[in-house]
Amino acid sequence: MKKLNLIGHRGYGPTHNLGIDHPHNEQVPENSLSAFRYALENGADGIELDVILSADGVPVVIHDQEIGMHITQHDVTANVCDLTLEEIQEFDIGGGNRVPTLDDVMALCEEYAHMDVIVNLDVKDENCVDPILKAIEAHSYSDNRFIISSYKWDLLRKFREKSEDIQLVPAIKTRILFGEENVGENYEPLTDDYKDSAYDTLKSLQDEINFSALDCTYGDYRPKLVDWAKHMGVGLQISTGNDRVTGEDSDYDILRVLEYVARTEPAIPIVLSKVDEPDKVRMQLNRLLKYDGPSRDYEDWSP
């Protein structure tokens, strides 16, 4: 397993706000099998996806309950949880793609078993706990490659009650890191300093559920998070936000974060970064990590 891994966010990035005629929405709409396949064949070490339960109890891969946000028929107002799988798969999410089931995505990953694909599931619905664990058990193509992430820490507690082995990664809200009084519009931190109480909160959660990594958005990331991960003996996950960010720009913030993490060689087991365009981020990161001396290309940066 590489120490630094790029994870394709919703496959090849969010597309719900690009417009239905945008090439990405036609070719690689978010959370589609096309997007996941493209990501895995073009630079990603794994994929991130969102799971919601259909009315008939099937875990489907889609970001929002409001299905109209992700389909070409924008006049539809139904929620995913009120529709059966058959009804959900009648809709086009772009380019003829349909909403996949979690089983569909895991079957796709089995085709890439030689890559030891990381599958990061973002879960918001506590009703998904048992169906997700059942799906993982049915598709165990590789040990410890499944990661459950959520801002809902009670949901992570439910996963831990059901499984001693599943990897859990708590997403950390901005207000926990910086304090409620230091959060502006659009969750923008108004200070560069984490609250000391944030470490205590996270350490307490680690003692309770034994999570695998600390996760925050790149906008909330500060180098102190590396120190906290080292102190806890866990990994680090840096995530992009809900709006698509291109990976072509070498000034892209997440690249600078990854460069810092790579060059300081933190004594942490694994670093994952959810990015929207893994092929372009990989290319830029490889360039950033070049320096005079032995090769430090991140491809070879392993534990």
C-alpha atoms as a PDB file:
ATOM      1  CA  MET A   1       0.000   0.000   0.000  1.00  0.00           C
ATOM      2  CA  LYS A   2       1.329   3.426  -0.896  1.00  0.00           C
ATOM      3  CA  LYS A   3       1.614   5.928   1.915  1.00  0.00           C
ATOM      4  CA  LEU A   4       0.156   8.780  -0.135  1.00  0.00           C
ATOM      5  CA  ASN A   5      -3.044   7.958  -2.003  1.00  0.00           C
ATOM      6  CA  LEU A   6      -5.266  10.013  -4.301  1.00  0.00           C
ATOM      7  CA  ILE A   7      -8.964   9.221  -4.001  1.00  0.00           C
ATOM      8  CA  GLY A   8     -11.341  10.186  -6.813  1.00  0.00           C
ATOM      9  CA  HIS A   9     -14.037  12.334  -5.171  1.00  0.00           C
ATOM     10  CA  ARG A  10     -17.408  10.991  -6.381  1.00  0.00           C
ATOM     11  CA  GLY A  11     -15.336   9.371  -9.116  1.00  0.00           C
ATOM     12  CA  TYR A  12     -14.130  12.333 -11.144  1.00  0.00           C
ATOM     13  CA  GLY A  13     -15.529  15.189  -9.064  1.00  0.00           C
ATOM     14  CA  PRO A  14     -18.941  16.811  -8.491  1.00  0.00           C
ATOM     15  CA  THR A  15     -20.905  17.534 -11.657  1.00  0.00           C
ATOM     16  CA  HIS A  16     -24.355  18.468 -10.322  1.00  0.00           C
ATOM     17  CA  ASN A  17     -23.673  22.192 -10.829  1.00  0.00           C
ATOM     18  CA  LEU A  18     -21.864  22.037 -14.193  1.00  0.00           C
ATOM     19  CA  GLY A  19     -24.932  22.070 -16.418  1.00  0.00           C
ATOM     20  CA  ILE A  20     -26.268  19.021 -18.170  1.00  0.00           C
ATOM     21  CA  ASP A  21     -24.501  19.865 -21.456  1.00  0.00           C
ATOM     22  CA  HIS A  22     -21.052  20.074 -19.855  1.00  0.00           C
ATOM     23  CA  PRO A  23     -18.739  17.316 -21.169  1.00  0.00           C
ATOM     24  CA  HIS A  24     -18.058  15.996 -17.647  1.00  0.00           C
ATOM     25  CA  ASN A  25     -21.769  15.635 -17.005  1.00  0.00           C
ATOM     26  CA  GLU A  26     -22.149  13.698 -20.239  1.00  0.00           C
ATOM     27  CA  GLN A  27     -19.065  11.498 -19.899  1.00  0.00           C
ATOM     28  CA  VAL A  28     -18.297  11.118 -16.183  1.00  0.00           C
ATOM     29  CA  PRO A  29     -21.260  12.308 -14.091  1.00  0.00           C
ATOM     30  CA  GLU A  30     -20.582  12.183 -10.366  1.00  0.00           C
ATOM     31  CA  ASN A  31     -21.115   8.879  -8.569  1.00  0.00           C
ATOM     32  CA  SER A  32     -21.513   6.993 -11.850  1.00  0.00           C
ATOM     33  CA  LEU A  33     -19.799   3.786 -12.908  1.00  0.00           C
ATOM     34  CA  SER A  34     -18.288   5.751 -15.813  1.00  0.00           C
ATOM     35  CA  ALA A  35     -16.705   8.255 -13.420  1.00  0.00           C
ATOM     36  CA  PHE A  36     -15.354   5.568 -11.098  1.00  0.00           C
ATOM     37  CA  ARG A  37     -13.866   3.610 -13.975  1.00  0.00           C
ATOM     38  CA  TYR A  38     -12.300   6.724 -15.489  1.00  0.00           C
ATOM     39  CA  ALA A  39     -10.765   7.715 -12.139  1.00  0.00           C
ATOM     40  CA  LEU A  40      -9.262   4.269 -11.548  1.00  0.00           C
ATOM     41  CA  GLU A  41      -7.804   4.155 -15.042  1.00  0.00           C
ATOM     42  CA  ASN A  42      -6.402   7.691 -14.835  1.00  0.00           C
ATOM     43  CA  GLY A  43      -4.471   8.247 -11.645  1.00  0.00           C
ATOM     44  CA  ALA A  44      -6.695   7.389  -8.686  1.00  0.00           C
ATOM     45  CA  ASP A  45      -5.655   4.920  -6.000  1.00  0.00           C
ATOM     46  CA  GLY A  46      -9.258   4.661  -4.868  1.00  0.00           C
ATOM     47  CA  ILE A  47     -12.701   6.189  -5.104  1.00  0.00           C
ATOM     48  CA  GLU A  48     -15.030   8.084  -2.777  1.00  0.00           C
ATOM     49  CA  LEU A  49     -18.775   7.664  -3.078  1.00  0.00           C
ATOM     50  CA  ASP A  50     -22.006   8.554  -1.294  1.00  0.00           C
ATOM     51  CA  VAL A  51     -24.528   5.960  -0.148  1.00  0.00           C
ATOM     52  CA  ILE A  52     -28.272   6.401   0.471  1.00  0.00           C
ATOM     53  CA  LEU A  53     -30.903   3.718   1.030  1.00  0.00           C
ATOM     54  CA  SER A  54     -33.766   3.340  -1.469  1.00  0.00           C
ATOM     55  CA  ALA A  55     -37.366   2.774  -0.352  1.00  0.00           C
ATOM     56  CA  ASP A  56     -36.928  -0.975  -0.832  1.00  0.00           C
ATOM     57  CA  GLY A  57     -33.748  -1.090   1.232  1.00  0.00           C
ATOM     58  CA  VAL A  58     -31.078  -1.097  -1.472  1.00  0.00           C
ATOM     59  CA  PRO A  59     -27.909   1.019  -0.937  1.00  0.00           C
ATOM     60  CA  VAL A  60     -27.618   3.282  -3.979  1.00  0.00           C
ATOM     61  CA  VAL A  61     -24.739   5.597  -4.849  1.00  0.00           C
ATOM     62  CA  ILE A  62     -25.881   9.217  -4.995  1.00  0.00           C
ATOM     63  CA  HIS A  63     -24.962  12.337  -3.047  1.00  0.00           C
ATOM     64  CA  ASP A  64     -28.303  13.934  -2.128  1.00  0.00           C
ATOM     65  CA  GLN A  65     -31.740  12.734  -1.148  1.00  0.00           C
ATOM     66  CA  GLU A  66     -33.272  15.182  -3.662  1.00  0.00           C
ATOM     67  CA  ILE A  67     -32.883  13.096  -6.782  1.00  0.00           C
ATOM     68  CA  GLY A  68     -33.703  16.084  -9.021  1.00  0.00           C
ATOM     69  CA  MET A  69     -30.260  17.528  -8.181  1.00  0.00           C
ATOM     70  CA  HIS A  70     -28.532  14.719 -10.054  1.00  0.00           C
ATOM     71  CA  ILE A  71     -30.728  13.734 -12.987  1.00  0.00           C
ATOM     72  CA  THR A  72     -31.477  15.232 -16.362  1.00  0.00           C
ATOM     73  CA  GLN A  73     -35.176  15.504 -15.476  1.00  0.00           C
ATOM     74  CA  HIS A  74     -34.849  18.463 -13.099  1.00  0.00           C
ATOM     75  CA  ASP A  75     -38.605  18.757 -12.563  1.00  0.00           C
ATOM     76  CA  VAL A  76     -38.598  15.594 -10.410  1.00  0.00           C
ATOM     77  CA  THR A  77     -38.990  16.462  -6.721  1.00  0.00           C
ATOM     78  CA  ALA A  78     -38.968  13.012  -5.101  1.00  0.00           C
ATOM     79  CA  ASN A  79     -36.466  11.884  -2.465  1.00  0.00           C
ATOM     80  CA  VAL A  80     -34.309   8.813  -2.996  1.00  0.00           C
ATOM     81  CA  CYS A  81     -35.632   7.223   0.193  1.00  0.00           C
ATOM     82  CA  ASP A  82     -39.175   7.362  -1.215  1.00  0.00           C
ATOM     83  CA  LEU A  83     -38.319   5.616  -4.492  1.00  0.00           C
ATOM     84  CA  THR A  84     -37.652   1.948  -5.199  1.00  0.00           C
ATOM     85  CA  LEU A  85     -34.467   0.895  -6.935  1.00  0.00           C
ATOM     86  CA  GLU A  86     -36.425   0.233 -10.120  1.00  0.00           C
ATOM     87  CA  GLU A  87     -37.871   3.759 -10.016  1.00  0.00           C
ATOM     88  CA  ILE A  88     -34.490   5.343  -9.271  1.00  0.00           C
ATOM     89  CA  GLN A  89     -32.802   3.592 -12.167  1.00  0.00           C
ATOM     90  CA  GLU A  90     -35.337   4.912 -14.642  1.00  0.00           C
ATOM     91  CA  PHE A  91     -33.617   8.309 -14.431  1.00  0.00           C
ATOM     92  CA  ASP A  92     -30.652   9.460 -16.523  1.00  0.00           C
ATOM     93  CA  ILE A  93     -27.882  11.080 -14.446  1.00  0.00           C
ATOM     94  CA  GLY A  94     -26.045  12.229 -17.586  1.00  0.00           C
ATOM     95  CA  GLY A  95     -24.826  10.621 -20.794  1.00  0.00           C
ATOM     96  CA  GLY A  96     -27.202   7.691 -20.377  1.00  0.00           C
ATOM     97  CA  ASN A  97     -25.701   6.716 -17.007  1.00  0.00           C
ATOM     98  CA  ARG A  98     -27.995   5.428 -14.262  1.00  0.00           C
ATOM     99  CA  VAL A  99     -27.701   5.618 -10.483  1.00  0.00           C
ATOM    100  CA  PRO A 100     -25.600   2.566  -9.538  1.00  0.00           C
ATOM    101  CA  THR A 101     -26.128   0.370  -6.511  1.00  0.00           C
ATOM    102  CA  LEU A 102     -23.346  -0.126  -4.000  1.00  0.00           C
ATOM    103  CA  ASP A 103     -23.068  -3.719  -5.247  1.00  0.00           C
ATOM    104  CA  ASP A 104     -22.551  -2.377  -8.790  1.00  0.00           C
ATOM    105  CA  VAL A 105     -19.648  -0.199  -7.657  1.00  0.00           C
ATOM    106  CA  MET A 106     -18.033  -2.954  -5.637  1.00  0.00           C
ATOM    107  CA  ALA A 107     -18.302  -5.341  -8.576  1.00  0.00           C
ATOM    108  CA  LEU A 108     -16.527  -2.701 -10.677  1.00  0.00           C
ATOM    109  CA  CYS A 109     -13.750  -2.444  -8.080  1.00  0.00           C
ATOM    110  CA  GLU A 110     -13.279  -6.197  -8.254  1.00  0.00           C
ATOM    111  CA  GLU A 111     -12.236  -5.713 -11.877  1.00  0.00           C
ATOM    112  CA  TYR A 112      -9.361  -3.588 -10.522  1.00  0.00           C
ATOM    113  CA  ALA A 113      -8.442  -5.931  -7.665  1.00  0.00           C
ATOM    114  CA  HIS A 114      -4.820  -5.880  -8.861  1.00  0.00           C
ATOM    115  CA  MET A 115      -4.738  -2.204  -7.865  1.00  0.00           C
ATOM    116  CA  ASP A 116      -5.914  -2.843  -4.286  1.00  0.00           C
ATOM    117  CA  VAL A 117      -8.507  -0.117  -4.739  1.00  0.00           C
ATOM    118  CA  ILE A 118      -9.451   1.969  -1.689  1.00  0.00           C
ATOM    119  CA  VAL A 119     -13.219   2.472  -1.385  1.00  0.00           C
ATOM    120  CA  ASN A 120     -14.185   5.451   0.793  1.00  0.00           C
ATOM    121  CA  LEU A 121     -17.908   5.481   1.595  1.00  0.00           C
ATOM    122  CA  ASP A 122     -19.402   8.788   2.760  1.00  0.00           C
ATOM    123  CA  VAL A 123     -22.456   7.828   4.803  1.00  0.00           C
ATOM    124  CA  LYS A 124     -25.182  10.138   6.124  1.00  0.00           C
ATOM    125  CA  ASP A 125     -28.072   7.696   6.679  1.00  0.00           C
ATOM    126  CA  GLU A 126     -27.926   5.472   9.757  1.00  0.00           C
ATOM    127  CA  ASN A 127     -30.300   3.019   8.039  1.00  0.00           C
ATOM    128  CA  CYS A 128     -27.402   2.179   5.702  1.00  0.00           C
ATOM    129  CA  VAL A 129     -25.211   0.598   8.388  1.00  0.00           C
ATOM    130  CA  ASP A 130     -26.330  -3.025   8.091  1.00  0.00           C
ATOM    131  CA  PRO A 131     -26.776  -3.005   4.267  1.00  0.00           C
ATOM    132  CA  ILE A 132     -23.298  -1.499   3.808  1.00  0.00           C
ATOM    133  CA  LEU A 133     -21.636  -4.051   6.066  1.00  0.00           C
ATOM    134  CA  LYS A 134     -23.478  -6.814   4.206  1.00  0.00           C
ATOM    135  CA  ALA A 135     -22.261  -5.458   0.860  1.00  0.00           C
ATOM    136  CA  ILE A 136     -18.671  -5.233   2.103  1.00  0.00           C
ATOM    137  CA  GLU A 137     -18.814  -8.818   3.342  1.00  0.00           C
ATOM    138  CA  ALA A 138     -20.107  -9.943  -0.042  1.00  0.00           C
ATOM    139  CA  HIS A 139     -17.346  -8.115  -1.935  1.00  0.00           C
ATOM    140  CA  SER A 140     -14.262  -8.617   0.208  1.00  0.00           C
ATOM    141  CA  TYR A 141     -11.822  -8.595  -2.696  1.00  0.00           C
ATOM    142  CA  SER A 142      -9.130  -7.157  -0.399  1.00  0.00           C
ATOM    143  CA  ASP A 143      -8.735  -6.734   3.344  1.00  0.00           C
ATOM    144  CA  ASN A 144      -9.001  -3.300   4.945  1.00  0.00           C
ATOM    145  CA  ARG A 145      -9.643  -1.383   1.734  1.00  0.00           C
ATOM    146  CA  PHE A 146     -13.031  -0.046   2.809  1.00  0.00           C
ATOM    147  CA  ILE A 147     -13.247   3.204   4.747  1.00  0.00           C
ATOM    148  CA  ILE A 148     -16.412   4.661   6.279  1.00  0.00           C
ATOM    149  CA  SER A 149     -16.442   8.471   6.598  1.00  0.00           C
ATOM    150  CA  SER A 150     -19.119  10.660   8.126  1.00  0.00           C
ATOM    151  CA  TYR A 151     -19.720  13.984   9.835  1.00  0.00           C
ATOM    152  CA  LYS A 152     -22.281  12.096  11.911  1.00  0.00           C
ATOM    153  CA  TRP A 153     -20.152  10.569  14.623  1.00  0.00           C
ATOM    154  CA  ASP A 154     -23.102   8.695  16.153  1.00  0.00           C
ATOM    155  CA  LEU A 155     -23.380   6.881  12.833  1.00  0.00           C
ATOM    156  CA  LEU A 156     -19.716   5.861  13.109  1.00  0.00           C
ATOM    157  CA  ARG A 157     -20.442   4.572  16.590  1.00  0.00           C
ATOM    158  CA  LYS A 158     -23.147   2.341  15.102  1.00  0.00           C
ATOM    159  CA  PHE A 159     -20.672   0.929  12.590  1.00  0.00           C
ATOM    160  CA  ARG A 160     -18.210   0.171  15.378  1.00  0.00           C
ATOM    161  CA  GLU A 161     -20.926  -1.576  17.407  1.00  0.00           C
ATOM    162  CA  LYS A 162     -21.525  -3.864  14.425  1.00  0.00           C
ATOM    163  CA  SER A 163     -17.908  -4.373  13.338  1.00  0.00           C
ATOM    164  CA  GLU A 164     -14.623  -4.388  15.202  1.00  0.00           C
ATOM    165  CA  ASP A 165     -12.594  -4.276  11.998  1.00  0.00           C
ATOM    166  CA  ILE A 166     -14.176  -1.690   9.690  1.00  0.00           C
ATOM    167  CA  GLN A 167     -12.008   1.398   9.158  1.00  0.00           C
ATOM    168  CA  LEU A 168     -13.738   4.546  10.410  1.00  0.00           C
ATOM    169  CA  VAL A 169     -12.721   8.113   9.571  1.00  0.00           C
ATOM    170  CA  PRO A 170     -14.596  10.942  11.314  1.00  0.00           C
ATOM    171  CA  ALA A 171     -15.064  14.049   9.178  1.00  0.00           C
ATOM    172  CA  ILE A 172     -14.283  17.033  11.404  1.00  0.00           C
ATOM    173  CA  LYS A 173     -16.606  20.025  11.269  1.00  0.00           C
ATOM    174  CA  THR A 174     -15.067  23.488  11.051  1.00  0.00           C
ATOM    175  CA  ARG A 175     -16.625  24.592  14.333  1.00  0.00           C
ATOM    176  CA  ILE A 176     -14.925  21.730  16.194  1.00  0.00           C
ATOM    177  CA  LEU A 177     -11.489  22.730  14.921  1.00  0.00           C
ATOM    178  CA  PHE A 178     -11.773  26.505  15.233  1.00  0.00           C
ATOM    179  CA  GLY A 179     -14.702  27.105  17.582  1.00  0.00           C
ATOM    180  CA  GLU A 180     -18.219  28.248  16.717  1.00  0.00           C
ATOM    181  CA  GLU A 181     -17.230  31.900  17.195  1.00  0.00           C
ATOM    182  CA  ASN A 182     -14.508  31.600  14.549  1.00  0.00           C
ATOM    183  CA  VAL A 183     -16.640  30.281  11.674  1.00  0.00           C
ATOM    184  CA  GLY A 184     -17.851  32.753   9.052  1.00  0.00           C
ATOM    185  CA  GLU A 185     -20.108  32.470   6.027  1.00  0.00           C
ATOM    186  CA  ASN A 186     -19.832  29.284   3.996  1.00  0.00           C
ATOM    187  CA  TYR A 187     -17.995  27.701   6.939  1.00  0.00           C
ATOM    188  CA  GLU A 188     -14.922  29.870   6.353  1.00  0.00           C
ATOM    189  CA  PRO A 189     -12.522  29.809   9.353  1.00  0.00           C
ATOM    190  CA  LEU A 190     -11.844  33.304  10.712  1.00  0.00           C
ATOM    191  CA  THR A 191      -8.584  32.275  12.376  1.00  0.00           C
ATOM    192  CA  ASP A 192      -5.592  30.062  11.583  1.00  0.00           C
ATOM    193  CA  ASP A 193      -5.476  28.547  15.062  1.00  0.00           C
ATOM    194  CA  TYR A 194      -7.178  25.338  16.092  1.00  0.00           C
ATOM    195  CA  LYS A 195      -8.728  25.281  19.540  1.00  0.00           C
ATOM    196  CA  ASP A 196      -6.816  23.136  22.016  1.00  0.00           C
ATOM    197  CA  SER A 197     -10.126  21.569  23.028  1.00  0.00           C
ATOM    198  CA  ALA A 198     -10.435  20.121  19.497  1.00  0.00           C
ATOM    199  CA  TYR A 199      -7.580  17.708  20.163  1.00  0.00           C
ATOM    200  CA  ASP A 200      -9.230  16.521  23.369  1.00  0.00           C
ATOM    201  CA  THR A 201     -12.535  16.007  21.532  1.00  0.00           C
ATOM    202  CA  LEU A 202     -10.869  13.966  18.790  1.00  0.00           C
ATOM    203  CA  LYS A 203      -8.713  11.938  21.176  1.00  0.00           C
ATOM    204  CA  SER A 204     -11.806  11.075  23.209  1.00  0.00           C
ATOM    205  CA  LEU A 205     -13.541   9.854  20.042  1.00  0.00           C
ATOM    206  CA  GLN A 206     -10.481   7.832  19.073  1.00  0.00           C
ATOM    207  CA  ASP A 207     -10.468   6.124  22.461  1.00  0.00           C
ATOM    208  CA  GLU A 208     -14.149   5.310  21.965  1.00  0.00           C
ATOM    209  CA  ILE A 209     -14.328   4.041  18.365  1.00  0.00           C
ATOM    210  CA  ASN A 210     -10.678   3.467  17.374  1.00  0.00           C
ATOM    211  CA  PHE A 211     -10.774   5.431  14.112  1.00  0.00           C
ATOM    212  CA  SER A 212      -8.135   5.122  11.378  1.00  0.00           C
ATOM    213  CA  ALA A 213      -7.510   8.713  10.298  1.00  0.00           C
ATOM    214  CA  LEU A 214      -8.346  12.371  10.886  1.00  0.00           C
ATOM    215  CA  ASP A 215     -10.346  13.970   8.054  1.00  0.00           C
ATOM    216  CA  CYS A 216     -10.958  17.625   7.261  1.00  0.00           C
ATOM    217  CA  THR A 217     -11.407  19.774   4.161  1.00  0.00           C
ATOM    218  CA  TYR A 218      -8.315  21.362   2.658  1.00  0.00           C
ATOM    219  CA  GLY A 219      -9.755  24.760   3.659  1.00  0.00           C
ATOM    220  CA  ASP A 220      -9.741  23.668   7.314  1.00  0.00           C
ATOM    221  CA  TYR A 221      -6.369  21.935   7.149  1.00  0.00           C
ATOM    222  CA  ARG A 222      -3.496  23.344   9.204  1.00  0.00           C
ATOM    223  CA  PRO A 223      -0.081  21.692   9.730  1.00  0.00           C
ATOM    224  CA  LYS A 224      -1.014  21.070  13.381  1.00  0.00           C
ATOM    225  CA  LEU A 225      -3.319  18.292  12.130  1.00  0.00           C
ATOM    226  CA  VAL A 226      -0.208  16.346  11.090  1.00  0.00           C
ATOM    227  CA  ASP A 227       1.104  16.613  14.656  1.00  0.00           C
ATOM    228  CA  TRP A 228      -2.219  15.465  16.066  1.00  0.00           C
ATOM    229  CA  ALA A 229      -2.280  12.467  13.716  1.00  0.00           C
ATOM    230  CA  LYS A 230       1.257  11.549  14.794  1.00  0.00           C
ATOM    231  CA  HIS A 231       0.345  11.830  18.481  1.00  0.00           C
ATOM    232  CA  MET A 232      -2.701   9.599  17.984  1.00  0.00           C
ATOM    233  CA  GLY A 233      -0.927   7.134  15.702  1.00  0.00           C
ATOM    234  CA  VAL A 234      -3.529   7.504  12.962  1.00  0.00           C
ATOM    235  CA  GLY A 235      -3.577   8.500   9.303  1.00  0.00           C
ATOM    236  CA  LEU A 236      -4.615  11.742   7.659  1.00  0.00           C
ATOM    237  CA  GLN A 237      -7.360  12.371   5.096  1.00  0.00           C
ATOM    238  CA  ILE A 238      -7.696  15.709   3.305  1.00  0.00           C
ATOM    239  CA  SER A 239     -10.939  16.304   1.426  1.00  0.00           C
ATOM    240  CA  THR A 240     -12.088  18.685  -1.254  1.00  0.00           C
ATOM    241  CA  GLY A 241     -15.469  20.398  -0.868  1.00  0.00           C
ATOM    242  CA  ASN A 242     -18.864  20.120  -2.543  1.00  0.00           C
ATOM    243  CA  ASP A 243     -17.963  22.392  -5.456  1.00  0.00           C
ATOM    244  CA  ARG A 244     -15.708  21.083  -8.173  1.00  0.00           C
ATOM    245  CA  VAL A 245     -12.071  22.213  -8.105  1.00  0.00           C
ATOM    246  CA  THR A 246      -9.828  21.719 -11.136  1.00  0.00           C
ATOM    247  CA  GLY A 247      -6.561  19.875 -10.624  1.00  0.00           C
ATOM    248  CA  GLU A 248      -4.715  21.632 -13.452  1.00  0.00           C
ATOM    249  CA  ASP A 249      -3.582  24.668 -11.476  1.00  0.00           C
ATOM    250  CA  SER A 250      -0.277  24.087  -9.659  1.00  0.00           C
ATOM    251  CA  ASP A 251      -1.401  26.632  -7.052  1.00  0.00           C
ATOM    252  CA  TYR A 252      -4.360  24.430  -6.127  1.00  0.00           C
ATOM    253  CA  ASP A 253      -4.312  24.509  -2.309  1.00  0.00           C
ATOM    254  CA  ILE A 254      -4.579  20.775  -1.811  1.00  0.00           C
ATOM    255  CA  LEU A 255      -1.377  20.238  -3.808  1.00  0.00           C
ATOM    256  CA  ARG A 256       0.545  22.489  -1.419  1.00  0.00           C
ATOM    257  CA  VAL A 257      -0.860  20.569   1.526  1.00  0.00           C
ATOM    258  CA  LEU A 258       0.185  17.235   0.028  1.00  0.00           C
ATOM    259  CA  GLU A 259       3.621  18.560  -0.856  1.00  0.00           C
ATOM    260  CA  TYR A 260       4.139  19.663   2.754  1.00  0.00           C
ATOM    261  CA  VAL A 261       2.986  16.312   4.116  1.00  0.00           C
ATOM    262  CA  ALA A 262       5.237  14.393   1.724  1.00  0.00           C
ATOM    263  CA  ARG A 263       8.354  16.478   2.323  1.00  0.00           C
ATOM    264  CA  THR A 264       8.073  16.476   6.115  1.00  0.00           C
ATOM    265  CA  GLU A 265       7.659  12.699   6.123  1.00  0.00           C
ATOM    266  CA  PRO A 266       5.204  12.487   9.035  1.00  0.00           C
ATOM    267  CA  ALA A 267       5.327   9.327  11.056  1.00  0.00           C
ATOM    268  CA  ILE A 268       1.742   8.470  10.234  1.00  0.00           C
ATOM    269  CA  PRO A 269       0.590   5.259   8.543  1.00  0.00           C
ATOM    270  CA  ILE A 270      -1.266   6.595   5.523  1.00  0.00           C
ATOM    271  CA  VAL A 271      -2.310   9.846   3.850  1.00  0.00           C
ATOM    272  CA  LEU A 272      -5.388   9.992   1.642  1.00  0.00           C
ATOM    273  CA  SER A 273      -6.545  12.971  -0.346  1.00  0.00           C
ATOM    274  CA  LYS A 274      -9.966  13.208  -1.958  1.00  0.00           C
ATOM    275  CA  VAL A 275      -9.589  15.203  -5.172  1.00  0.00           C
ATOM    276  CA  ASP A 276     -11.891  15.983  -8.093  1.00  0.00           C
ATOM    277  CA  GLU A 277      -9.473  15.332 -10.957  1.00  0.00           C
ATOM    278  CA  PRO A 278      -6.968  12.701  -9.790  1.00  0.00           C
ATOM    279  CA  ASP A 279      -5.132  12.467 -13.116  1.00  0.00           C
ATOM    280  CA  LYS A 280      -4.311  16.191 -13.159  1.00  0.00           C
ATOM    281  CA  VAL A 281      -3.537  16.339  -9.436  1.00  0.00           C
ATOM    282  CA  ARG A 282      -1.190  13.357  -9.784  1.00  0.00           C
ATOM    283  CA  MET A 283       0.671  15.057 -12.623  1.00  0.00           C
ATOM    284  CA  GLN A 284       1.053  18.333 -10.724  1.00  0.00           C
ATOM    285  CA  LEU A 285       2.033  16.616  -7.481  1.00  0.00           C
ATOM    286  CA  ASN A 286       4.729  14.587  -9.203  1.00  0.00           C
ATOM    287  CA  ARG A 287       6.174  17.833 -10.544  1.00  0.00           C
ATOM    288  CA  LEU A 288       6.079  19.507  -7.143  1.00  0.00           C
ATOM    289  CA  LEU A 289       7.886  16.621  -5.460  1.00  0.00           C
ATOM    290  CA  LYS A 290      10.819  16.714  -7.849  1.00  0.00           C
ATOM    291  CA  TYR A 291      13.963  18.125  -6.264  1.00  0.00           C
ATOM    292  CA  ASP A 292      17.758  17.875  -6.464  1.00  0.00           C
ATOM    293  CA  GLY A 293      18.717  14.567  -4.926  1.00  0.00           C
ATOM    294  CA  PRO A 294      17.344  11.026  -4.807  1.00  0.00           C
ATOM    295  CA  SER A 295      13.956  10.627  -6.442  1.00  0.00           C
ATOM    296  CA  ARG A 296      11.065  11.516  -4.149  1.00  0.00           C
ATOM    297  CA  ASP A 297       8.345  11.021  -6.721  1.00  0.00           C
ATOM    298  CA  TYR A 298       5.288  10.173  -4.624  1.00  0.00           C
ATOM    299  CA  GLU A 299       4.688   7.049  -6.685  1.00  0.00           C
ATOM    300  CA  ASP A 300       7.572   5.460  -4.766  1.00  0.00           C
ATOM    301  CA  TRP A 301       6.774   6.996  -1.407  1.00  0.00           C
ATOM    302  CA  SER A 302       5.773   3.927   0.560  1.00  0.00           C
ATOM    303  CA  PRO A 303       5.851   2.939   4.248  1.00  0.00           C
END
